[in-house]
Amino acid sequence: MQLDLNNVDSIVAWWRVWPGRHDSYLDYKAKASPEFAHSIGAARRLIAADPELQRLRRQSAQERRRQRMADMARGDEAPEALAVAAPAEHAPA
């Protein structure tokens, strides 16, 4: 799959493949490459408005939390990492 950061539909389709990983990348990319901030913001608004995509976001946050807990149980992660349980809702730019 190719990602076109100028195309909102492309961003949403790409995000849908791996929401947990792709949320973080979009956070980074919007800051590092402000020329894409508008389309990334529009994609986030579409994600926030779609109940199915919101369900994917919640499932992804739950999975990340379970993974952090498993990492902590193995001694791979510090307890303070659990304080960040889910990504904050992204405010429109």
PDB file of N, CA and C in Angstrom:
ATOM      1  N   MET A   1       0.842  -1.172   0.000  1.00  0.00           N
ATOM      2  CA  MET A   1       0.000   0.000   0.000  1.00  0.00           C
ATOM      3  C   MET A   1       0.891   1.239   0.000  1.00  0.00           C
ATOM      4  N   GLN A   2       0.537   2.200  -0.808  1.00  0.00           N
ATOM      5  CA  GLN A   2       1.278   3.452  -0.846  1.00  0.00           C
ATOM      6  C   GLN A   2       0.470   4.528  -0.126  1.00  0.00           C
ATOM      7  N   LEU A   3       1.167   5.367   0.595  1.00  0.00           N
ATOM      8  CA  LEU A   3       0.542   6.452   1.349  1.00  0.00           C
ATOM      9  C   LEU A   3       0.805   7.764   0.633  1.00  0.00           C
ATOM     10  N   ASP A   4      -0.259   8.491   0.332  1.00  0.00           N
ATOM     11  CA  ASP A   4      -0.158   9.823  -0.247  1.00  0.00           C
ATOM     12  C   ASP A   4      -0.611  10.804   0.833  1.00  0.00           C
ATOM     13  N   LEU A   5       0.335  11.489   1.440  1.00  0.00           N
ATOM     14  CA  LEU A   5       0.022  12.389   2.550  1.00  0.00           C
ATOM     15  C   LEU A   5      -0.695  13.661   2.113  1.00  0.00           C
ATOM     16  N   ASN A   6      -0.912  13.827   0.830  1.00  0.00           N
ATOM     17  CA  ASN A   6      -1.714  14.944   0.342  1.00  0.00           C
ATOM     18  C   ASN A   6      -3.166  14.537   0.113  1.00  0.00           C
ATOM     19  N   ASN A   7      -3.462  13.246   0.260  1.00  0.00           N
ATOM     20  CA  ASN A   7      -4.786  12.718  -0.048  1.00  0.00           C
ATOM     21  C   ASN A   7      -5.419  12.159   1.225  1.00  0.00           C
ATOM     22  N   VAL A   8      -6.499  12.799   1.654  1.00  0.00           N
ATOM     23  CA  VAL A   8      -7.161  12.405   2.908  1.00  0.00           C
ATOM     24  C   VAL A   8      -7.630  10.953   2.858  1.00  0.00           C
ATOM     25  N   ASP A   9      -8.229  10.542   1.758  1.00  0.00           N
ATOM     26  CA  ASP A   9      -8.710   9.155   1.650  1.00  0.00           C
ATOM     27  C   ASP A   9      -7.564   8.152   1.738  1.00  0.00           C
ATOM     28  N   SER A  10      -6.426   8.492   1.167  1.00  0.00           N
ATOM     29  CA  SER A  10      -5.251   7.633   1.236  1.00  0.00           C
ATOM     30  C   SER A  10      -4.768   7.506   2.684  1.00  0.00           C
ATOM     31  N   ILE A  11      -4.762   8.616   3.393  1.00  0.00           N
ATOM     32  CA  ILE A  11      -4.320   8.607   4.794  1.00  0.00           C
ATOM     33  C   ILE A  11      -5.239   7.725   5.627  1.00  0.00           C
ATOM     34  N   VAL A  12      -6.548   7.882   5.463  1.00  0.00           N
ATOM     35  CA  VAL A  12      -7.510   7.094   6.243  1.00  0.00           C
ATOM     36  C   VAL A  12      -7.373   5.610   5.913  1.00  0.00           C
ATOM     37  N   ALA A  13      -7.253   5.280   4.645  1.00  0.00           N
ATOM     38  CA  ALA A  13      -7.103   3.865   4.256  1.00  0.00           C
ATOM     39  C   ALA A  13      -5.827   3.274   4.840  1.00  0.00           C
ATOM     40  N   TRP A  14      -4.750   4.019   4.822  1.00  0.00           N
ATOM     41  CA  TRP A  14      -3.470   3.563   5.377  1.00  0.00           C
ATOM     42  C   TRP A  14      -3.567   3.423   6.886  1.00  0.00           C
ATOM     43  N   TRP A  15      -4.175   4.415   7.550  1.00  0.00           N
ATOM     44  CA  TRP A  15      -4.324   4.386   9.011  1.00  0.00           C
ATOM     45  C   TRP A  15      -5.084   3.140   9.448  1.00  0.00           C
ATOM     46  N   ARG A  16      -6.099   2.797   8.673  1.00  0.00           N
ATOM     47  CA  ARG A  16      -6.977   1.679   9.000  1.00  0.00           C
ATOM     48  C   ARG A  16      -6.224   0.344   9.090  1.00  0.00           C
ATOM     49  N   VAL A  17      -5.116   0.204   8.380  1.00  0.00           N
ATOM     50  CA  VAL A  17      -4.335  -1.036   8.364  1.00  0.00           C
ATOM     51  C   VAL A  17      -3.725  -1.326   9.732  1.00  0.00           C
ATOM     52  N   TRP A  18      -3.227  -0.297  10.422  1.00  0.00           N
ATOM     53  CA  TRP A  18      -2.562  -0.486  11.721  1.00  0.00           C
ATOM     54  C   TRP A  18      -2.707   0.797  12.542  1.00  0.00           C
ATOM     55  N   PRO A  19      -3.908   1.045  13.092  1.00  0.00           N
ATOM     56  CA  PRO A  19      -4.182   2.313  13.767  1.00  0.00           C
ATOM     57  C   PRO A  19      -3.184   2.685  14.869  1.00  0.00           C
ATOM     58  N   GLY A  20      -2.804   1.736  15.668  1.00  0.00           N
ATOM     59  CA  GLY A  20      -1.885   2.043  16.767  1.00  0.00           C
ATOM     60  C   GLY A  20      -0.550   2.579  16.296  1.00  0.00           C
ATOM     61  N   ARG A  21       0.016   1.959  15.322  1.00  0.00           N
ATOM     62  CA  ARG A  21       1.307   2.390  14.789  1.00  0.00           C
ATOM     63  C   ARG A  21       1.146   3.663  13.956  1.00  0.00           C
ATOM     64  N   HIS A  22       0.099   3.713  13.172  1.00  0.00           N
ATOM     65  CA  HIS A  22      -0.057   4.818  12.235  1.00  0.00           C
ATOM     66  C   HIS A  22      -0.485   6.113  12.918  1.00  0.00           C
ATOM     67  N   ASP A  23      -1.215   6.033  14.042  1.00  0.00           N
ATOM     68  CA  ASP A  23      -1.525   7.248  14.812  1.00  0.00           C
ATOM     69  C   ASP A  23      -0.238   7.965  15.212  1.00  0.00           C
ATOM     70  N   SER A  24       0.699   7.202  15.737  1.00  0.00           N
ATOM     71  CA  SER A  24       1.971   7.786  16.181  1.00  0.00           C
ATOM     72  C   SER A  24       2.743   8.391  15.013  1.00  0.00           C
ATOM     73  N   TYR A  25       2.751   7.701  13.897  1.00  0.00           N
ATOM     74  CA  TYR A  25       3.467   8.218  12.732  1.00  0.00           C
ATOM     75  C   TYR A  25       2.830   9.518  12.244  1.00  0.00           C
ATOM     76  N   LEU A  26       1.500   9.579  12.222  1.00  0.00           N
ATOM     77  CA  LEU A  26       0.838  10.803  11.768  1.00  0.00           C
ATOM     78  C   LEU A  26       1.118  11.960  12.718  1.00  0.00           C
ATOM     79  N   ASP A  27       1.185  11.686  14.030  1.00  0.00           N
ATOM     80  CA  ASP A  27       1.575  12.732  14.992  1.00  0.00           C
ATOM     81  C   ASP A  27       2.942  13.291  14.617  1.00  0.00           C
ATOM     82  N   TYR A  28       3.876  12.392  14.411  1.00  0.00           N
ATOM     83  CA  TYR A  28       5.236  12.788  14.052  1.00  0.00           C
ATOM     84  C   TYR A  28       5.258  13.563  12.732  1.00  0.00           C
ATOM     85  N   LYS A  29       4.603  13.011  11.722  1.00  0.00           N
ATOM     86  CA  LYS A  29       4.679  13.591  10.381  1.00  0.00           C
ATOM     87  C   LYS A  29       4.042  14.978  10.325  1.00  0.00           C
ATOM     88  N   ALA A  30       2.949  15.186  11.045  1.00  0.00           N
ATOM     89  CA  ALA A  30       2.290  16.495  11.052  1.00  0.00           C
ATOM     90  C   ALA A  30       3.214  17.563  11.637  1.00  0.00           C
ATOM     91  N   LYS A  31       4.036  17.180  12.605  1.00  0.00           N
ATOM     92  CA  LYS A  31       4.980  18.131  13.216  1.00  0.00           C
ATOM     93  C   LYS A  31       6.240  18.296  12.373  1.00  0.00           C
ATOM     94  N   ALA A  32       6.747  17.189  11.862  1.00  0.00           N
ATOM     95  CA  ALA A  32       8.011  17.227  11.114  1.00  0.00           C
ATOM     96  C   ALA A  32       7.836  17.786   9.702  1.00  0.00           C
ATOM     97  N   SER A  33       6.666  17.628   9.140  1.00  0.00           N
ATOM     98  CA  SER A  33       6.402  18.081   7.762  1.00  0.00           C
ATOM     99  C   SER A  33       5.088  18.861   7.740  1.00  0.00           C
ATOM    100  N   PRO A  34       5.125  20.118   8.145  1.00  0.00           N
ATOM    101  CA  PRO A  34       3.885  20.893   8.259  1.00  0.00           C
ATOM    102  C   PRO A  34       3.101  21.022   6.955  1.00  0.00           C
ATOM    103  N   GLU A  35       3.737  20.766   5.831  1.00  0.00           N
ATOM    104  CA  GLU A  35       3.007  20.837   4.564  1.00  0.00           C
ATOM    105  C   GLU A  35       1.912  19.774   4.478  1.00  0.00           C
ATOM    106  N   PHE A  36       1.989  18.748   5.332  1.00  0.00           N
ATOM    107  CA  PHE A  36       0.982  17.694   5.342  1.00  0.00           C
ATOM    108  C   PHE A  36      -0.010  17.847   6.499  1.00  0.00           C
ATOM    109  N   ALA A  37       0.183  18.832   7.348  1.00  0.00           N
ATOM    110  CA  ALA A  37      -0.650  18.982   8.545  1.00  0.00           C
ATOM    111  C   ALA A  37      -2.136  19.137   8.200  1.00  0.00           C
ATOM    112  N   HIS A  38      -2.437  19.871   7.143  1.00  0.00           N
ATOM    113  CA  HIS A  38      -3.845  20.082   6.789  1.00  0.00           C
ATOM    114  C   HIS A  38      -4.519  18.766   6.405  1.00  0.00           C
ATOM    115  N   SER A  39      -3.905  17.986   5.533  1.00  0.00           N
ATOM    116  CA  SER A  39      -4.524  16.727   5.105  1.00  0.00           C
ATOM    117  C   SER A  39      -4.546  15.701   6.246  1.00  0.00           C
ATOM    118  N   ILE A  40      -3.521  15.699   7.086  1.00  0.00           N
ATOM    119  CA  ILE A  40      -3.520  14.792   8.243  1.00  0.00           C
ATOM    120  C   ILE A  40      -4.639  15.186   9.204  1.00  0.00           C
ATOM    121  N   GLY A  41      -4.803  16.481   9.442  1.00  0.00           N
ATOM    122  CA  GLY A  41      -5.891  16.954  10.306  1.00  0.00           C
ATOM    123  C   GLY A  41      -7.257  16.589   9.751  1.00  0.00           C
ATOM    124  N   ALA A  42      -7.435  16.731   8.442  1.00  0.00           N
ATOM    125  CA  ALA A  42      -8.709  16.372   7.814  1.00  0.00           C
ATOM    126  C   ALA A  42      -8.966  14.864   7.950  1.00  0.00           C
ATOM    127  N   ALA A  43      -7.922  14.060   7.791  1.00  0.00           N
ATOM    128  CA  ALA A  43      -8.065  12.604   7.950  1.00  0.00           C
ATOM    129  C   ALA A  43      -8.444  12.262   9.385  1.00  0.00           C
ATOM    130  N   ARG A  44      -7.838  12.927  10.345  1.00  0.00           N
ATOM    131  CA  ARG A  44      -8.180  12.678  11.754  1.00  0.00           C
ATOM    132  C   ARG A  44      -9.633  13.039  12.037  1.00  0.00           C
ATOM    133  N   ARG A  45     -10.112  14.115  11.424  1.00  0.00           N
ATOM    134  CA  ARG A  45     -11.515  14.493  11.620  1.00  0.00           C
ATOM    135  C   ARG A  45     -12.448  13.434  11.026  1.00  0.00           C
ATOM    136  N   LEU A  46     -12.085  12.886   9.873  1.00  0.00           N
ATOM    137  CA  LEU A  46     -12.888  11.796   9.288  1.00  0.00           C
ATOM    138  C   LEU A  46     -12.889  10.572  10.194  1.00  0.00           C
ATOM    139  N   ILE A  47     -11.737  10.239  10.723  1.00  0.00           N
ATOM    140  CA  ILE A  47     -11.622   9.090  11.636  1.00  0.00           C
ATOM    141  C   ILE A  47     -12.485   9.320  12.872  1.00  0.00           C
ATOM    142  N   ALA A  48     -12.434  10.524  13.423  1.00  0.00           N
ATOM    143  CA  ALA A  48     -13.200  10.844  14.631  1.00  0.00           C
ATOM    144  C   ALA A  48     -14.709  10.829  14.379  1.00  0.00           C
ATOM    145  N   ALA A  49     -15.118  11.090  13.145  1.00  0.00           N
ATOM    146  CA  ALA A  49     -16.544  11.163  12.818  1.00  0.00           C
ATOM    147  C   ALA A  49     -17.146   9.809  12.436  1.00  0.00           C
ATOM    148  N   ASP A  50     -16.333   8.813  12.207  1.00  0.00           N
ATOM    149  CA  ASP A  50     -16.815   7.511  11.736  1.00  0.00           C
ATOM    150  C   ASP A  50     -16.831   6.509  12.884  1.00  0.00           C
ATOM    151  N   PRO A  51     -18.010   6.011  13.277  1.00  0.00           N
ATOM    152  CA  PRO A  51     -18.090   5.075  14.412  1.00  0.00           C
ATOM    153  C   PRO A  51     -17.221   3.822  14.236  1.00  0.00           C
ATOM    154  N   GLU A  52     -17.148   3.285  13.032  1.00  0.00           N
ATOM    155  CA  GLU A  52     -16.328   2.084  12.802  1.00  0.00           C
ATOM    156  C   GLU A  52     -14.845   2.377  13.021  1.00  0.00           C
ATOM    157  N   LEU A  53     -14.391   3.529  12.541  1.00  0.00           N
ATOM    158  CA  LEU A  53     -12.989   3.890  12.725  1.00  0.00           C
ATOM    159  C   LEU A  53     -12.693   4.200  14.191  1.00  0.00           C
ATOM    160  N   GLN A  54     -13.650   4.770  14.896  1.00  0.00           N
ATOM    161  CA  GLN A  54     -13.477   5.011  16.325  1.00  0.00           C
ATOM    162  C   GLN A  54     -13.362   3.680  17.077  1.00  0.00           C
ATOM    163  N   ARG A  55     -14.135   2.684  16.648  1.00  0.00           N
ATOM    164  CA  ARG A  55     -14.032   1.351  17.261  1.00  0.00           C
ATOM    165  C   ARG A  55     -12.629   0.785  17.054  1.00  0.00           C
ATOM    166  N   LEU A  56     -12.085   0.944  15.842  1.00  0.00           N
ATOM    167  CA  LEU A  56     -10.716   0.487  15.574  1.00  0.00           C
ATOM    168  C   LEU A  56      -9.713   1.214  16.464  1.00  0.00           C
ATOM    169  N   ARG A  57      -9.906   2.515  16.650  1.00  0.00           N
ATOM    170  CA  ARG A  57      -9.003   3.300  17.496  1.00  0.00           C
ATOM    171  C   ARG A  57      -9.052   2.799  18.939  1.00  0.00           C
ATOM    172  N   ARG A  58     -10.255   2.537  19.440  1.00  0.00           N
ATOM    173  CA  ARG A  58     -10.383   2.032  20.822  1.00  0.00           C
ATOM    174  C   ARG A  58      -9.736   0.659  20.965  1.00  0.00           C
ATOM    175  N   GLN A  59      -9.987  -0.238  20.004  1.00  0.00           N
ATOM    176  CA  GLN A  59      -9.382  -1.573  20.057  1.00  0.00           C
ATOM    177  C   GLN A  59      -7.863  -1.476  20.032  1.00  0.00           C
ATOM    178  N   SER A  60      -7.351  -0.593  19.212  1.00  0.00           N
ATOM    179  CA  SER A  60      -5.909  -0.417  19.106  1.00  0.00           C
ATOM    180  C   SER A  60      -5.325   0.067  20.436  1.00  0.00           C
ATOM    181  N   ALA A  61      -6.002   1.022  21.069  1.00  0.00           N
ATOM    182  CA  ALA A  61      -5.531   1.541  22.359  1.00  0.00           C
ATOM    183  C   ALA A  61      -5.537   0.427  23.412  1.00  0.00           C
ATOM    184  N   GLN A  62      -6.578  -0.401  23.401  1.00  0.00           N
ATOM    185  CA  GLN A  62      -6.645  -1.506  24.357  1.00  0.00           C
ATOM    186  C   GLN A  62      -5.514  -2.505  24.114  1.00  0.00           C
ATOM    187  N   GLU A  63      -5.247  -2.797  22.858  1.00  0.00           N
ATOM    188  CA  GLU A  63      -4.171  -3.731  22.525  1.00  0.00           C
ATOM    189  C   GLU A  63      -2.810  -3.189  22.953  1.00  0.00           C
ATOM    190  N   ARG A  64      -2.574  -1.900  22.730  1.00  0.00           N
ATOM    191  CA  ARG A  64      -1.300  -1.302  23.160  1.00  0.00           C
ATOM    192  C   ARG A  64      -1.150  -1.382  24.673  1.00  0.00           C
ATOM    193  N   ARG A  65      -2.239  -1.150  25.395  1.00  0.00           N
ATOM    194  CA  ARG A  65      -2.185  -1.238  26.856  1.00  0.00           C
ATOM    195  C   ARG A  65      -1.880  -2.676  27.298  1.00  0.00           C
ATOM    196  N   ARG A  66      -2.549  -3.651  26.675  1.00  0.00           N
ATOM    197  CA  ARG A  66      -2.264  -5.059  27.011  1.00  0.00           C
ATOM    198  C   ARG A  66      -0.798  -5.400  26.735  1.00  0.00           C
ATOM    199  N   GLN A  67      -0.274  -4.902  25.620  1.00  0.00           N
ATOM    200  CA  GLN A  67       1.119  -5.180  25.274  1.00  0.00           C
ATOM    201  C   GLN A  67       2.076  -4.557  26.286  1.00  0.00           C
ATOM    202  N   ARG A  68       1.787  -3.315  26.701  1.00  0.00           N
ATOM    203  CA  ARG A  68       2.645  -2.667  27.705  1.00  0.00           C
ATOM    204  C   ARG A  68       2.609  -3.433  29.020  1.00  0.00           C
ATOM    205  N   MET A  69       1.417  -3.928  29.393  1.00  0.00           N
ATOM    206  CA  MET A  69       1.319  -4.697  30.633  1.00  0.00           C
ATOM    207  C   MET A  69       2.119  -5.993  30.526  1.00  0.00           C
ATOM    208  N   ALA A  70       2.057  -6.653  29.372  1.00  0.00           N
ATOM    209  CA  ALA A  70       2.833  -7.878  29.169  1.00  0.00           C
ATOM    210  C   ALA A  70       4.330  -7.569  29.206  1.00  0.00           C
ATOM    211  N   ASP A  71       4.728  -6.453  28.585  1.00  0.00           N
ATOM    212  CA  ASP A  71       6.134  -6.053  28.617  1.00  0.00           C
ATOM    213  C   ASP A  71       6.583  -5.805  30.054  1.00  0.00           C
ATOM    214  N   MET A  72       5.734  -5.132  30.820  1.00  0.00           N
ATOM    215  CA  MET A  72       6.062  -4.834  32.211  1.00  0.00           C
ATOM    216  C   MET A  72       6.197  -6.127  33.024  1.00  0.00           C
ATOM    217  N   ALA A  73       5.316  -7.086  32.770  1.00  0.00           N
ATOM    218  CA  ALA A  73       5.362  -8.355  33.495  1.00  0.00           C
ATOM    219  C   ALA A  73       6.668  -9.094  33.217  1.00  0.00           C
ATOM    220  N   ARG A  74       7.210  -8.907  32.004  1.00  0.00           N
ATOM    221  CA  ARG A  74       8.491  -9.529  31.656  1.00  0.00           C
ATOM    222  C   ARG A  74       9.672  -8.672  32.113  1.00  0.00           C
ATOM    223  N   GLY A  75       9.378  -7.474  32.630  1.00  0.00           N
ATOM    224  CA  GLY A  75      10.451  -6.584  33.060  1.00  0.00           C
ATOM    225  C   GLY A  75      11.016  -5.740  31.934  1.00  0.00           C
ATOM    226  N   ASP A  76      10.296  -5.659  30.813  1.00  0.00           N
ATOM    227  CA  ASP A  76      10.786  -4.924  29.652  1.00  0.00           C
ATOM    228  C   ASP A  76      10.436  -3.438  29.666  1.00  0.00           C
ATOM    229  N   GLU A  77       9.582  -3.009  30.572  1.00  0.00           N
ATOM    230  CA  GLU A  77       9.110  -1.633  30.525  1.00  0.00           C
ATOM    231  C   GLU A  77       8.882  -1.107  31.936  1.00  0.00           C
ATOM    232  N   ALA A  78       9.118   0.164  32.119  1.00  0.00           N
ATOM    233  CA  ALA A  78       8.934   0.802  33.419  1.00  0.00           C
ATOM    234  C   ALA A  78       7.440   1.000  33.708  1.00  0.00           C
ATOM    235  N   PRO A  79       7.020   0.937  34.986  1.00  0.00           N
ATOM    236  CA  PRO A  79       5.600   1.088  35.340  1.00  0.00           C
ATOM    237  C   PRO A  79       4.992   2.417  34.894  1.00  0.00           C
ATOM    238  N   GLU A  80       5.765   3.490  34.867  1.00  0.00           N
ATOM    239  CA  GLU A  80       5.190   4.785  34.483  1.00  0.00           C
ATOM    240  C   GLU A  80       4.696   4.797  33.038  1.00  0.00           C
ATOM    241  N   ALA A  81       5.124   3.845  32.241  1.00  0.00           N
ATOM    242  CA  ALA A  81       4.658   3.768  30.855  1.00  0.00           C
ATOM    243  C   ALA A  81       3.165   3.462  30.795  1.00  0.00           C
ATOM    244  N   LEU A  82       2.628   2.851  31.839  1.00  0.00           N
ATOM    245  CA  LEU A  82       1.200   2.543  31.854  1.00  0.00           C
ATOM    246  C   LEU A  82       0.341   3.783  32.030  1.00  0.00           C
ATOM    247  N   ALA A  83       0.923   4.887  32.441  1.00  0.00           N
ATOM    248  CA  ALA A  83       0.152   6.107  32.640  1.00  0.00           C
ATOM    249  C   ALA A  83      -0.457   6.603  31.338  1.00  0.00           C
ATOM    250  N   VAL A  84       0.127   6.264  30.225  1.00  0.00           N
ATOM    251  CA  VAL A  84      -0.413   6.663  28.922  1.00  0.00           C
ATOM    252  C   VAL A  84      -1.157   5.468  28.359  1.00  0.00           C
ATOM    253  N   ALA A  85      -2.449   5.409  28.636  1.00  0.00           N
ATOM    254  CA  ALA A  85      -3.242   4.239  28.264  1.00  0.00           C
ATOM    255  C   ALA A  85      -3.810   4.299  26.863  1.00  0.00           C
ATOM    256  N   ALA A  86      -4.055   5.490  26.356  1.00  0.00           N
ATOM    257  CA  ALA A  86      -4.666   5.617  25.036  1.00  0.00           C
ATOM    258  C   ALA A  86      -4.291   6.962  24.445  1.00  0.00           C
ATOM    259  N   PRO A  87      -4.260   7.047  23.126  1.00  0.00           N
ATOM    260  CA  PRO A  87      -3.952   8.331  22.514  1.00  0.00           C
ATOM    261  C   PRO A  87      -5.047   9.342  22.791  1.00  0.00           C
ATOM    262  N   ALA A  88      -4.646  10.582  23.026  1.00  0.00           N
ATOM    263  CA  ALA A  88      -5.631  11.644  23.221  1.00  0.00           C
ATOM    264  C   ALA A  88      -6.321  11.905  21.896  1.00  0.00           C
ATOM    265  N   GLU A  89      -7.553  12.338  21.969  1.00  0.00           N
ATOM    266  CA  GLU A  89      -8.249  12.719  20.747  1.00  0.00           C
ATOM    267  C   GLU A  89      -7.491  13.872  20.127  1.00  0.00           C
ATOM    268  N   HIS A  90      -7.352  13.842  18.854  1.00  0.00           N
ATOM    269  CA  HIS A  90      -6.600  14.865  18.148  1.00  0.00           C
ATOM    270  C   HIS A  90      -7.511  16.041  17.858  1.00  0.00           C
ATOM    271  N   ALA A  91      -7.115  17.189  18.338  1.00  0.00           N
ATOM    272  CA  ALA A  91      -7.890  18.391  18.081  1.00  0.00           C
ATOM    273  C   ALA A  91      -7.677  18.827  16.642  1.00  0.00           C
ATOM    274  N   PRO A  92      -8.711  19.362  16.020  1.00  0.00           N
ATOM    275  CA  PRO A  92      -8.535  19.850  14.654  1.00  0.00           C
ATOM    276  C   PRO A  92      -7.472  20.939  14.596  1.00  0.00           C
ATOM    277  N   ALA A  93      -6.705  20.928  13.536  1.00  0.00           N
ATOM    278  CA  ALA A  93      -5.626  21.901  13.390  1.00  0.00           C
ATOM    279  C   ALA A  93      -6.170  23.265  13.005  1.00  0.00           C
TER     280      ALA A  93
END
